[in-house]
PDB file of N, CA and C in Angstrom:
ATOM      1  N   MET A   1       7.296-101.294  81.987  1.00  0.00           N
ATOM      2  CA  MET A   1       6.174-102.162  82.204  1.00  0.00           C
ATOM      3  C   MET A   1       5.825-102.140  83.683  1.00  0.00           C
ATOM      4  N   THR A   2       6.854-102.106  84.513  1.00  0.00           N
ATOM      5  CA  THR A   2       6.614-102.094  85.958  1.00  0.00           C
ATOM      6  C   THR A   2       5.950-100.830  86.391  1.00  0.00           C
ATOM      7  N   LEU A   3       6.347 -99.669  85.785  1.00  0.00           N
ATOM      8  CA  LEU A   3       5.739 -98.422  86.134  1.00  0.00           C
ATOM      9  C   LEU A   3       4.265 -98.406  85.771  1.00  0.00           C
ATOM     10  N   VAL A   4       3.905 -98.993  84.649  1.00  0.00           N
ATOM     11  CA  VAL A   4       2.508 -99.019  84.262  1.00  0.00           C
ATOM     12  C   VAL A   4       1.723 -99.853  85.241  1.00  0.00           C
ATOM     13  N   ALA A   5       2.271-100.997  85.668  1.00  0.00           N
ATOM     14  CA  ALA A   5       1.577-101.854  86.650  1.00  0.00           C
ATOM     15  C   ALA A   5       1.404-101.133  87.969  1.00  0.00           C
ATOM     16  N   VAL A   6       2.402-100.415  88.397  1.00  0.00           N
ATOM     17  CA  VAL A   6       2.326 -99.632  89.651  1.00  0.00           C
ATOM     18  C   VAL A   6       1.249 -98.569  89.551  1.00  0.00           C
ATOM     19  N   CYS A   7       1.210 -97.858  88.408  1.00  0.00           N
ATOM     20  CA  CYS A   7       0.185 -96.812  88.214  1.00  0.00           C
ATOM     21  C   CYS A   7      -1.213 -97.362  88.212  1.00  0.00           C
ATOM     22  N   VAL A   8      -1.421 -98.454  87.445  1.00  0.00           N
ATOM     23  CA  VAL A   8      -2.703 -99.107  87.412  1.00  0.00           C
ATOM     24  C   VAL A   8      -3.129 -99.616  88.773  1.00  0.00           C
ATOM     25  N   GLY A   9      -2.212-100.152  89.510  1.00  0.00           N
ATOM     26  CA  GLY A   9      -2.486-100.632  90.873  1.00  0.00           C
ATOM     27  C   GLY A   9      -2.849 -99.509  91.781  1.00  0.00           C
ATOM     28  N   ALA A  10      -2.171 -98.376  91.691  1.00  0.00           N
ATOM     29  CA  ALA A  10      -2.451 -97.222  92.557  1.00  0.00           C
ATOM     30  C   ALA A  10      -3.822 -96.669  92.271  1.00  0.00           C
ATOM     31  N   VAL A  11      -4.167 -96.562  91.012  1.00  0.00           N
ATOM     32  CA  VAL A  11      -5.500 -96.098  90.614  1.00  0.00           C
ATOM     33  C   VAL A  11      -6.584 -97.063  91.135  1.00  0.00           C
ATOM     34  N   GLY A  12      -6.350 -98.344  90.934  1.00  0.00           N
ATOM     35  CA  GLY A  12      -7.328 -99.349  91.422  1.00  0.00           C
ATOM     36  C   GLY A  12      -7.459 -99.279  92.891  1.00  0.00           C
ATOM     37  N   LEU A  13      -6.367 -99.111  93.646  1.00  0.00           N
ATOM     38  CA  LEU A  13      -6.446 -99.003  95.093  1.00  0.00           C
ATOM     39  C   LEU A  13      -7.185 -97.754  95.549  1.00  0.00           C
ATOM     40  N   ALA A  14      -6.961 -96.641  94.865  1.00  0.00           N
ATOM     41  CA  ALA A  14      -7.664 -95.431  95.223  1.00  0.00           C
ATOM     42  C   ALA A  14      -9.164 -95.571  94.957  1.00  0.00           C
ATOM     43  N   LEU A  15      -9.532 -96.192  93.862  1.00  0.00           N
ATOM     44  CA  LEU A  15     -10.961 -96.390  93.549  1.00  0.00           C
ATOM     45  C   LEU A  15     -11.617 -97.354  94.560  1.00  0.00           C
ATOM     46  N   ALA A  16     -10.887 -98.428  94.910  1.00  0.00           N
ATOM     47  CA  ALA A  16     -11.420 -99.379  95.907  1.00  0.00           C
ATOM     48  C   ALA A  16     -11.586 -98.750  97.259  1.00  0.00           C
ATOM     49  N   LEU A  17     -10.619 -97.921  97.689  1.00  0.00           N
ATOM     50  CA  LEU A  17     -10.734 -97.256  98.980  1.00  0.00           C
ATOM     51  C   LEU A  17     -11.884 -96.266  98.968  1.00  0.00           C
ATOM     52  N   SER A  18     -12.048 -95.532  97.878  1.00  0.00           N
ATOM     53  CA  SER A  18     -13.140 -94.578  97.749  1.00  0.00           C
ATOM     54  C   SER A  18     -14.473 -95.270  97.839  1.00  0.00           C
ATOM     55  N   PHE A  19     -14.637 -96.387  97.177  1.00  0.00           N
ATOM     56  CA  PHE A  19     -15.875 -97.103  97.228  1.00  0.00           C
ATOM     57  C   PHE A  19     -16.096 -97.729  98.658  1.00  0.00           C
ATOM     58  N   ALA A  20     -15.020 -98.174  99.266  1.00  0.00           N
ATOM     59  CA  ALA A  20     -15.157 -98.794 100.578  1.00  0.00           C
ATOM     60  C   ALA A  20     -15.483 -97.768 101.665  1.00  0.00           C
ATOM     61  N   LEU A  21     -14.911 -96.570 101.540  1.00  0.00           N
ATOM     62  CA  LEU A  21     -15.165 -95.551 102.578  1.00  0.00           C
ATOM     63  C   LEU A  21     -16.539 -94.895 102.410  1.00  0.00           C
ATOM     64  N   THR A  22     -16.976 -94.698 101.194  1.00  0.00           N
ATOM     65  CA  THR A  22     -18.268 -94.060 101.018  1.00  0.00           C
ATOM     66  C   THR A  22     -19.415 -95.071 101.096  1.00  0.00           C
ATOM     67  N   GLY A  23     -19.115 -96.334 100.772  1.00  0.00           N
ATOM     68  CA  GLY A  23     -20.122 -97.364 100.844  1.00  0.00           C
ATOM     69  C   GLY A  23     -21.109 -97.355  99.690  1.00  0.00           C
ATOM     70  N   ARG A  24     -20.827 -96.546  98.720  1.00  0.00           N
ATOM     71  CA  ARG A  24     -21.740 -96.475  97.551  1.00  0.00           C
ATOM     72  C   ARG A  24     -20.966 -95.932  96.355  1.00  0.00           C
ATOM     73  N   ASP A  25     -21.592 -96.034  95.217  1.00  0.00           N
ATOM     74  CA  ASP A  25     -20.991 -95.439  94.018  1.00  0.00           C
ATOM     75  C   ASP A  25     -21.070 -93.936  94.118  1.00  0.00           C
ATOM     76  N   SER A  26     -19.996 -93.247  93.785  1.00  0.00           N
ATOM     77  CA  SER A  26     -19.917 -91.798  94.081  1.00  0.00           C
ATOM     78  C   SER A  26     -20.381 -90.965  92.883  1.00  0.00           C
ATOM     79  N   ARG A  27     -21.313 -91.458  92.110  1.00  0.00           N
ATOM     80  CA  ARG A  27     -21.871 -90.633  91.032  1.00  0.00           C
ATOM     81  C   ARG A  27     -22.808 -89.614  91.614  1.00  0.00           C
ATOM     82  N   SER A  28     -22.669 -88.404  91.176  1.00  0.00           N
ATOM     83  CA  SER A  28     -23.508 -87.301  91.729  1.00  0.00           C
ATOM     84  C   SER A  28     -24.891 -87.230  91.051  1.00  0.00           C
ATOM     85  N   THR A  29     -25.816 -86.755  91.759  1.00  0.00           N
ATOM     86  CA  THR A  29     -27.152 -86.545  91.222  1.00  0.00           C
ATOM     87  C   THR A  29     -27.222 -85.202  90.536  1.00  0.00           C
ATOM     88  N   TRP A  30     -28.354 -84.850  89.931  1.00  0.00           N
ATOM     89  CA  TRP A  30     -28.441 -83.630  89.169  1.00  0.00           C
ATOM     90  C   TRP A  30     -28.168 -82.377  90.030  1.00  0.00           C
ATOM     91  N   PRO A  31     -28.784 -82.201  91.171  1.00  0.00           N
ATOM     92  CA  PRO A  31     -28.504 -80.978  91.963  1.00  0.00           C
ATOM     93  C   PRO A  31     -26.988 -80.830  92.317  1.00  0.00           C
ATOM     94  N   GLN A  32     -26.321 -81.936  92.531  1.00  0.00           N
ATOM     95  CA  GLN A  32     -24.907 -81.871  92.864  1.00  0.00           C
ATOM     96  C   GLN A  32     -24.074 -81.550  91.662  1.00  0.00           C
ATOM     97  N   ALA A  33     -24.498 -81.898  90.500  1.00  0.00           N
ATOM     98  CA  ALA A  33     -23.706 -81.703  89.274  1.00  0.00           C
ATOM     99  C   ALA A  33     -24.088 -80.381  88.572  1.00  0.00           C
ATOM    100  N   ALA A  34     -25.053 -79.620  89.129  1.00  0.00           N
ATOM    101  CA  ALA A  34     -25.460 -78.403  88.499  1.00  0.00           C
ATOM    102  C   ALA A  34     -24.337 -77.365  88.586  1.00  0.00           C
ATOM    103  N   PRO A  35     -24.290 -76.426  87.623  1.00  0.00           N
ATOM    104  CA  PRO A  35     -23.302 -75.340  87.675  1.00  0.00           C
ATOM    105  C   PRO A  35     -23.473 -74.482  88.883  1.00  0.00           C
ATOM    106  N   TYR A  36     -22.389 -73.931  89.371  1.00  0.00           N
ATOM    107  CA  TYR A  36     -22.424 -73.074  90.532  1.00  0.00           C
ATOM    108  C   TYR A  36     -21.392 -71.997  90.420  1.00  0.00           C
ATOM    109  N   LEU A  37     -21.473 -70.968  91.216  1.00  0.00           N
ATOM    110  CA  LEU A  37     -20.495 -69.891  91.321  1.00  0.00           C
ATOM    111  C   LEU A  37     -20.324 -69.044  90.038  1.00  0.00           C
ATOM    112  N   GLY A  38     -20.951 -69.425  89.000  1.00  0.00           N
ATOM    113  CA  GLY A  38     -20.788 -68.674  87.773  1.00  0.00           C
ATOM    114  C   GLY A  38     -22.053 -68.461  87.030  1.00  0.00           C
ATOM    115  N   GLY A  39     -23.146 -68.867  87.513  1.00  0.00           N
ATOM    116  CA  GLY A  39     -24.388 -68.684  86.844  1.00  0.00           C
ATOM    117  C   GLY A  39     -25.128 -69.946  86.609  1.00  0.00           C
ATOM    118  N   GLY A  40     -26.087 -69.887  85.783  1.00  0.00           N
ATOM    119  CA  GLY A  40     -26.997 -71.015  85.527  1.00  0.00           C
ATOM    120  C   GLY A  40     -26.580 -71.751  84.326  1.00  0.00           C
ATOM    121  N   GLU A  41     -27.538 -72.381  83.701  1.00  0.00           N
ATOM    122  CA  GLU A  41     -27.273 -73.202  82.496  1.00  0.00           C
ATOM    123  C   GLU A  41     -26.782 -72.363  81.332  1.00  0.00           C
ATOM    124  N   ALA A  42     -25.926 -72.935  80.572  1.00  0.00           N
ATOM    125  CA  ALA A  42     -25.398 -72.223  79.410  1.00  0.00           C
ATOM    126  C   ALA A  42     -26.475 -72.013  78.357  1.00  0.00           C
ATOM    127  N   GLN A  43     -26.420 -70.817  77.719  1.00  0.00           N
ATOM    128  CA  GLN A  43     -27.399 -70.487  76.684  1.00  0.00           C
ATOM    129  C   GLN A  43     -26.945 -70.964  75.291  1.00  0.00           C
ATOM    130  N   THR A  44     -25.640 -71.115  75.083  1.00  0.00           N
ATOM    131  CA  THR A  44     -25.103 -71.524  73.803  1.00  0.00           C
ATOM    132  C   THR A  44     -24.203 -72.732  73.998  1.00  0.00           C
ATOM    133  N   HIS A  45     -23.834 -73.329  72.927  1.00  0.00           N
ATOM    134  CA  HIS A  45     -22.952 -74.494  72.936  1.00  0.00           C
ATOM    135  C   HIS A  45     -21.511 -74.007  73.224  1.00  0.00           C
ATOM    136  N   ALA A  46     -20.746 -74.824  73.892  1.00  0.00           N
ATOM    137  CA  ALA A  46     -19.383 -74.473  74.240  1.00  0.00           C
ATOM    138  C   ALA A  46     -18.491 -74.297  72.963  1.00  0.00           C
ATOM    139  N   TRP A  47     -18.808 -74.966  71.913  1.00  0.00           N
ATOM    140  CA  TRP A  47     -17.987 -74.880  70.695  1.00  0.00           C
ATOM    141  C   TRP A  47     -18.400 -73.766  69.758  1.00  0.00           C
ATOM    142  N   GLN A  48     -19.288 -72.893  70.168  1.00  0.00           N
ATOM    143  CA  GLN A  48     -19.759 -71.815  69.337  1.00  0.00           C
ATOM    144  C   GLN A  48     -18.608 -70.893  69.052  1.00  0.00           C
ATOM    145  N   ARG A  49     -18.603 -70.375  67.852  1.00  0.00           N
ATOM    146  CA  ARG A  49     -17.543 -69.480  67.420  1.00  0.00           C
ATOM    147  C   ARG A  49     -17.698 -68.103  68.156  1.00  0.00           C
ATOM    148  N   PHE A  50     -16.543 -67.504  68.512  1.00  0.00           N
ATOM    149  CA  PHE A  50     -16.515 -66.185  69.101  1.00  0.00           C
ATOM    150  C   PHE A  50     -15.318 -65.456  68.608  1.00  0.00           C
ATOM    151  N   HIS A  51     -15.370 -64.147  68.663  1.00  0.00           N
ATOM    152  CA  HIS A  51     -14.314 -63.290  68.182  1.00  0.00           C
ATOM    153  C   HIS A  51     -13.354 -62.991  69.358  1.00  0.00           C
ATOM    154  N   PHE A  52     -12.124 -63.306  69.225  1.00  0.00           N
ATOM    155  CA  PHE A  52     -11.178 -63.011  70.295  1.00  0.00           C
ATOM    156  C   PHE A  52     -10.491 -61.684  69.975  1.00  0.00           C
ATOM    157  N   ARG A  53     -11.076 -60.623  70.409  1.00  0.00           N
ATOM    158  CA  ARG A  53     -10.572 -59.277  70.089  1.00  0.00           C
ATOM    159  C   ARG A  53      -9.326 -58.934  70.849  1.00  0.00           C
ATOM    160  N   ALA A  54      -9.030 -59.656  71.912  1.00  0.00           N
ATOM    161  CA  ALA A  54      -7.793 -59.312  72.722  1.00  0.00           C
ATOM    162  C   ALA A  54      -6.568 -59.897  72.086  1.00  0.00           C
ATOM    163  N   TYR A  55      -6.657 -60.602  70.971  1.00  0.00           N
ATOM    164  CA  TYR A  55      -5.522 -61.212  70.339  1.00  0.00           C
ATOM    165  C   TYR A  55      -4.409 -60.226  69.996  1.00  0.00           C
ATOM    166  N   THR A  56      -4.777 -59.130  69.337  1.00  0.00           N
ATOM    167  CA  THR A  56      -3.766 -58.153  68.953  1.00  0.00           C
ATOM    168  C   THR A  56      -3.192 -57.459  70.158  1.00  0.00           C
ATOM    169  N   MET A  57      -4.033 -57.227  71.209  1.00  0.00           N
ATOM    170  CA  MET A  57      -3.498 -56.630  72.414  1.00  0.00           C
ATOM    171  C   MET A  57      -2.482 -57.580  73.067  1.00  0.00           C
ATOM    172  N   THR A  58      -2.731 -58.880  72.989  1.00  0.00           N
ATOM    173  CA  THR A  58      -1.813 -59.866  73.539  1.00  0.00           C
ATOM    174  C   THR A  58      -0.498 -59.784  72.810  1.00  0.00           C
ATOM    175  N   LEU A  59      -0.567 -59.637  71.449  1.00  0.00           N
ATOM    176  CA  LEU A  59       0.691 -59.568  70.710  1.00  0.00           C
ATOM    177  C   LEU A  59       1.511 -58.377  71.087  1.00  0.00           C
ATOM    178  N   VAL A  60       0.812 -57.225  71.294  1.00  0.00           N
ATOM    179  CA  VAL A  60       1.552 -56.008  71.691  1.00  0.00           C
ATOM    180  C   VAL A  60       2.154 -56.194  73.101  1.00  0.00           C
ATOM    181  N   PHE A  61       1.383 -56.805  73.997  1.00  0.00           N
ATOM    182  CA  PHE A  61       1.919 -57.087  75.354  1.00  0.00           C
ATOM    183  C   PHE A  61       3.183 -57.932  75.244  1.00  0.00           C
ATOM    184  N   ILE A  62       3.125 -58.947  74.473  1.00  0.00           N
ATOM    185  CA  ILE A  62       4.314 -59.851  74.360  1.00  0.00           C
ATOM    186  C   ILE A  62       5.445 -59.148  73.763  1.00  0.00           C
ATOM    187  N   ALA A  63       5.210 -58.232  72.828  1.00  0.00           N
ATOM    188  CA  ALA A  63       6.324 -57.448  72.215  1.00  0.00           C
ATOM    189  C   ALA A  63       6.981 -56.586  73.278  1.00  0.00           C
ATOM    190  N   PHE A  64       6.177 -55.897  74.120  1.00  0.00           N
ATOM    191  CA  PHE A  64       6.784 -55.073  75.155  1.00  0.00           C
ATOM    192  C   PHE A  64       7.491 -55.928  76.225  1.00  0.00           C
ATOM    193  N   GLU A  65       6.918 -57.070  76.575  1.00  0.00           N
ATOM    194  CA  GLU A  65       7.550 -57.920  77.572  1.00  0.00           C
ATOM    195  C   GLU A  65       8.848 -58.482  77.023  1.00  0.00           C
ATOM    196  N   MET A  66       8.914 -58.921  75.817  1.00  0.00           N
ATOM    197  CA  MET A  66      10.148 -59.421  75.237  1.00  0.00           C
ATOM    198  C   MET A  66      11.184 -58.344  75.190  1.00  0.00           C
ATOM    199  N   GLU A  67      10.789 -57.134  74.890  1.00  0.00           N
ATOM    200  CA  GLU A  67      11.733 -56.049  74.848  1.00  0.00           C
ATOM    201  C   GLU A  67      12.347 -55.885  76.225  1.00  0.00           C
ATOM    202  N   MET A  68      11.545 -55.829  77.252  1.00  0.00           N
ATOM    203  CA  MET A  68      12.090 -55.587  78.584  1.00  0.00           C
ATOM    204  C   MET A  68      12.906 -56.805  79.072  1.00  0.00           C
ATOM    205  N   MET A  69      12.482 -57.995  78.709  1.00  0.00           N
ATOM    206  CA  MET A  69      13.182 -59.195  79.164  1.00  0.00           C
ATOM    207  C   MET A  69      14.599 -59.218  78.646  1.00  0.00           C
ATOM    208  N   PHE A  70      14.812 -58.724  77.451  1.00  0.00           N
ATOM    209  CA  PHE A  70      16.140 -58.784  76.838  1.00  0.00           C
ATOM    210  C   PHE A  70      16.939 -57.492  77.041  1.00  0.00           C
ATOM    211  N   MET A  71      16.307 -56.446  77.477  1.00  0.00           N
ATOM    212  CA  MET A  71      16.994 -55.159  77.684  1.00  0.00           C
ATOM    213  C   MET A  71      17.905 -55.220  78.934  1.00  0.00           C
ATOM    214  N   TYR A  72      17.473 -55.873  79.970  1.00  0.00           N
ATOM    215  CA  TYR A  72      18.259 -55.901  81.203  1.00  0.00           C
ATOM    216  C   TYR A  72      19.584 -56.675  81.011  1.00  0.00           C
ATOM    217  N   PRO A  73      19.583 -57.913  80.487  1.00  0.00           N
ATOM    218  CA  PRO A  73      20.876 -58.565  80.283  1.00  0.00           C
ATOM    219  C   PRO A  73      21.685 -57.881  79.185  1.00  0.00           C
ATOM    220  N   TRP A  74      21.028 -57.251  78.255  1.00  0.00           N
ATOM    221  CA  TRP A  74      21.759 -56.580  77.190  1.00  0.00           C
ATOM    222  C   TRP A  74      22.599 -55.437  77.773  1.00  0.00           C
ATOM    223  N   ALA A  75      22.066 -54.766  78.814  1.00  0.00           N
ATOM    224  CA  ALA A  75      22.823 -53.681  79.410  1.00  0.00           C
ATOM    225  C   ALA A  75      24.140 -54.137  79.959  1.00  0.00           C
ATOM    226  N   VAL A  76      24.201 -55.336  80.474  1.00  0.00           N
ATOM    227  CA  VAL A  76      25.483 -55.903  81.013  1.00  0.00           C
ATOM    228  C   VAL A  76      26.403 -56.225  79.842  1.00  0.00           C
ATOM    229  N   VAL A  77      25.825 -56.839  78.770  1.00  0.00           N
ATOM    230  CA  VAL A  77      26.653 -57.205  77.653  1.00  0.00           C
ATOM    231  C   VAL A  77      27.173 -55.943  76.924  1.00  0.00           C
ATOM    232  N   PHE A  78      26.353 -54.916  76.885  1.00  0.00           N
ATOM    233  CA  PHE A  78      26.734 -53.682  76.156  1.00  0.00           C
ATOM    234  C   PHE A  78      28.032 -53.094  76.714  1.00  0.00           C
ATOM    235  N   VAL A  79      28.245 -53.239  78.017  1.00  0.00           N
ATOM    236  CA  VAL A  79      29.463 -52.689  78.626  1.00  0.00           C
ATOM    237  C   VAL A  79      30.719 -53.392  78.033  1.00  0.00           C
ATOM    238  N   HIS A  80      30.605 -54.711  77.766  1.00  0.00           N
ATOM    239  CA  HIS A  80      31.749 -55.455  77.239  1.00  0.00           C
ATOM    240  C   HIS A  80      31.858 -55.421  75.723  1.00  0.00           C
ATOM    241  N   GLU A  81      30.718 -55.428  75.016  1.00  0.00           N
ATOM    242  CA  GLU A  81      30.759 -55.563  73.588  1.00  0.00           C
ATOM    243  C   GLU A  81      30.776 -54.228  72.833  1.00  0.00           C
ATOM    244  N   GLY A  82      30.073 -53.240  73.378  1.00  0.00           N
ATOM    245  CA  GLY A  82      30.118 -51.914  72.736  1.00  0.00           C
ATOM    246  C   GLY A  82      29.182 -51.761  71.589  1.00  0.00           C
ATOM    247  N   LEU A  83      29.725 -51.355  70.424  1.00  0.00           N
ATOM    248  CA  LEU A  83      28.938 -51.004  69.257  1.00  0.00           C
ATOM    249  C   LEU A  83      28.264 -52.233  68.641  1.00  0.00           C
ATOM    250  N   LYS A  84      28.898 -53.394  68.721  1.00  0.00           N
ATOM    251  CA  LYS A  84      28.279 -54.596  68.182  1.00  0.00           C
ATOM    252  C   LYS A  84      27.002 -54.879  68.906  1.00  0.00           C
ATOM    253  N   ALA A  85      26.997 -54.783  70.259  1.00  0.00           N
ATOM    254  CA  ALA A  85      25.770 -55.016  71.038  1.00  0.00           C
ATOM    255  C   ALA A  85      24.729 -53.966  70.727  1.00  0.00           C
ATOM    256  N   MET A  86      25.152 -52.752  70.465  1.00  0.00           N
ATOM    257  CA  MET A  86      24.191 -51.687  70.128  1.00  0.00           C
ATOM    258  C   MET A  86      23.500 -52.014  68.814  1.00  0.00           C
ATOM    259  N   ALA A  87      24.237 -52.479  67.839  1.00  0.00           N
ATOM    260  CA  ALA A  87      23.629 -52.827  66.525  1.00  0.00           C
ATOM    261  C   ALA A  87      22.668 -54.021  66.667  1.00  0.00           C
ATOM    262  N   GLU A  88      23.023 -54.997  67.445  1.00  0.00           N
ATOM    263  CA  GLU A  88      22.155 -56.157  67.604  1.00  0.00           C
ATOM    264  C   GLU A  88      20.840 -55.738  68.325  1.00  0.00           C
ATOM    265  N   MET A  89      20.979 -54.899  69.347  1.00  0.00           N
ATOM    266  CA  MET A  89      19.760 -54.443  70.028  1.00  0.00           C
ATOM    267  C   MET A  89      18.900 -53.561  69.145  1.00  0.00           C
ATOM    268  N   GLY A  90      19.535 -52.824  68.245  1.00  0.00           N
ATOM    269  CA  GLY A  90      18.798 -52.018  67.290  1.00  0.00           C
ATOM    270  C   GLY A  90      17.945 -52.883  66.388  1.00  0.00           C
ATOM    271  N   MET A  91      18.589 -53.938  65.876  1.00  0.00           N
ATOM    272  CA  MET A  91      17.811 -54.889  64.998  1.00  0.00           C
ATOM    273  C   MET A  91      16.666 -55.566  65.756  1.00  0.00           C
ATOM    274  N   PHE A  92      16.906 -55.943  67.031  1.00  0.00           N
ATOM    275  CA  PHE A  92      15.909 -56.571  67.853  1.00  0.00           C
ATOM    276  C   PHE A  92      14.727 -55.630  68.085  1.00  0.00           C
ATOM    277  N   LEU A  93      15.017 -54.383  68.420  1.00  0.00           N
ATOM    278  CA  LEU A  93      13.973 -53.410  68.603  1.00  0.00           C
ATOM    279  C   LEU A  93      13.211 -53.078  67.334  1.00  0.00           C
ATOM    280  N   ALA A  94      13.907 -53.104  66.211  1.00  0.00           N
ATOM    281  CA  ALA A  94      13.261 -52.854  64.923  1.00  0.00           C
ATOM    282  C   ALA A  94      12.227 -53.967  64.621  1.00  0.00           C
ATOM    283  N   ILE A  95      12.558 -55.200  64.943  1.00  0.00           N
ATOM    284  CA  ILE A  95      11.628 -56.309  64.681  1.00  0.00           C
ATOM    285  C   ILE A  95      10.457 -56.206  65.598  1.00  0.00           C
ATOM    286  N   LEU A  96      10.733 -55.854  66.874  1.00  0.00           N
ATOM    287  CA  LEU A  96       9.583 -55.664  67.804  1.00  0.00           C
ATOM    288  C   LEU A  96       8.703 -54.479  67.431  1.00  0.00           C
ATOM    289  N   SER A  97       9.345 -53.455  66.878  1.00  0.00           N
ATOM    290  CA  SER A  97       8.553 -52.301  66.457  1.00  0.00           C
ATOM    291  C   SER A  97       7.570 -52.641  65.325  1.00  0.00           C
ATOM    292  N   ILE A  98       7.959 -53.605  64.544  1.00  0.00           N
ATOM    293  CA  ILE A  98       7.024 -54.028  63.477  1.00  0.00           C
ATOM    294  C   ILE A  98       5.757 -54.624  64.101  1.00  0.00           C
ATOM    295  N   GLY A  99       5.932 -55.385  65.163  1.00  0.00           N
ATOM    296  CA  GLY A  99       4.785 -55.942  65.863  1.00  0.00           C
ATOM    297  C   GLY A  99       3.927 -54.904  66.478  1.00  0.00           C
ATOM    298  N   ILE A 100       4.566 -53.860  67.072  1.00  0.00           N
ATOM    299  CA  ILE A 100       3.822 -52.783  67.702  1.00  0.00           C
ATOM    300  C   ILE A 100       3.101 -51.971  66.624  1.00  0.00           C
ATOM    301  N   LEU A 101       3.715 -51.714  65.523  1.00  0.00           N
ATOM    302  CA  LEU A 101       3.098 -50.979  64.419  1.00  0.00           C
ATOM    303  C   LEU A 101       1.860 -51.780  63.875  1.00  0.00           C
ATOM    304  N   TYR A 102       2.011 -53.072  63.829  1.00  0.00           N
ATOM    305  CA  TYR A 102       0.903 -53.934  63.366  1.00  0.00           C
ATOM    306  C   TYR A 102      -0.274 -53.784  64.301  1.00  0.00           C
ATOM    307  N   GLY A 103       0.027 -53.797  65.623  1.00  0.00           N
ATOM    308  CA  GLY A 103      -1.078 -53.629  66.615  1.00  0.00           C
ATOM    309  C   GLY A 103      -1.721 -52.259  66.496  1.00  0.00           C
ATOM    310  N   TRP A 104      -0.916 -51.245  66.256  1.00  0.00           N
ATOM    311  CA  TRP A 104      -1.433 -49.878  66.110  1.00  0.00           C
ATOM    312  C   TRP A 104      -2.353 -49.821  64.872  1.00  0.00           C
ATOM    313  N   ARG A 105      -1.944 -50.461  63.791  1.00  0.00           N
ATOM    314  CA  ARG A 105      -2.732 -50.429  62.587  1.00  0.00           C
ATOM    315  C   ARG A 105      -4.074 -51.208  62.785  1.00  0.00           C
ATOM    316  N   GLU A 106      -4.026 -52.252  63.632  1.00  0.00           N
ATOM    317  CA  GLU A 106      -5.227 -53.012  63.911  1.00  0.00           C
ATOM    318  C   GLU A 106      -6.126 -52.290  64.923  1.00  0.00           C
ATOM    319  N   GLY A 107      -5.693 -51.198  65.521  1.00  0.00           N
ATOM    320  CA  GLY A 107      -6.503 -50.440  66.443  1.00  0.00           C
ATOM    321  C   GLY A 107      -6.459 -50.912  67.837  1.00  0.00           C
ATOM    322  N   VAL A 108      -5.428 -51.544  68.254  1.00  0.00           N
ATOM    323  CA  VAL A 108      -5.297 -52.049  69.581  1.00  0.00           C
ATOM    324  C   VAL A 108      -5.314 -50.899  70.656  1.00  0.00           C
ATOM    325  N   PHE A 109      -4.744 -49.813  70.292  1.00  0.00           N
ATOM    326  CA  PHE A 109      -4.623 -48.703  71.254  1.00  0.00           C
ATOM    327  C   PHE A 109      -5.877 -47.841  71.384  1.00  0.00           C
ATOM    328  N   ARG A 110      -6.881 -48.146  70.615  1.00  0.00           N
ATOM    329  CA  ARG A 110      -8.163 -47.428  70.669  1.00  0.00           C
ATOM    330  C   ARG A 110      -9.016 -48.086  71.721  1.00  0.00           C
ATOM    331  N   TRP A 111      -9.228 -47.460  72.851  1.00  0.00           N
ATOM    332  CA  TRP A 111     -10.073 -48.053  73.915  1.00  0.00           C
ATOM    333  C   TRP A 111     -11.494 -47.643  73.703  1.00  0.00           C
ATOM    334  N   GLN A 112     -12.363 -48.625  73.587  1.00  0.00           N
ATOM    335  CA  GLN A 112     -13.746 -48.362  73.327  1.00  0.00           C
ATOM    336  C   GLN A 112     -14.626 -48.777  74.482  1.00  0.00           C
TER     337      GLN A 112
END
């Protein structure tokens, strides 16, 4: 309860200082609130549906990154474990290969 009171007090103090230093309400007018650095007014609504074609490419990227992330520590473990570590890495790579084959089937590697 004390933390909530401190947070509310800090926000109130910040708003009071902002109002006291600027001497006015800090709501911006239309020219100040207009979009900038990226173009003009939006032509469509923000919630309009769109096709995210990079989804399958993202899955393939994650598959390759996961493979490399686990291959380096596996090399250290392989020295101590031997054939058991080799079998475990084989299963891991087989599972990742399924993801890569799925991406290939979806046409991720066809650059258009």
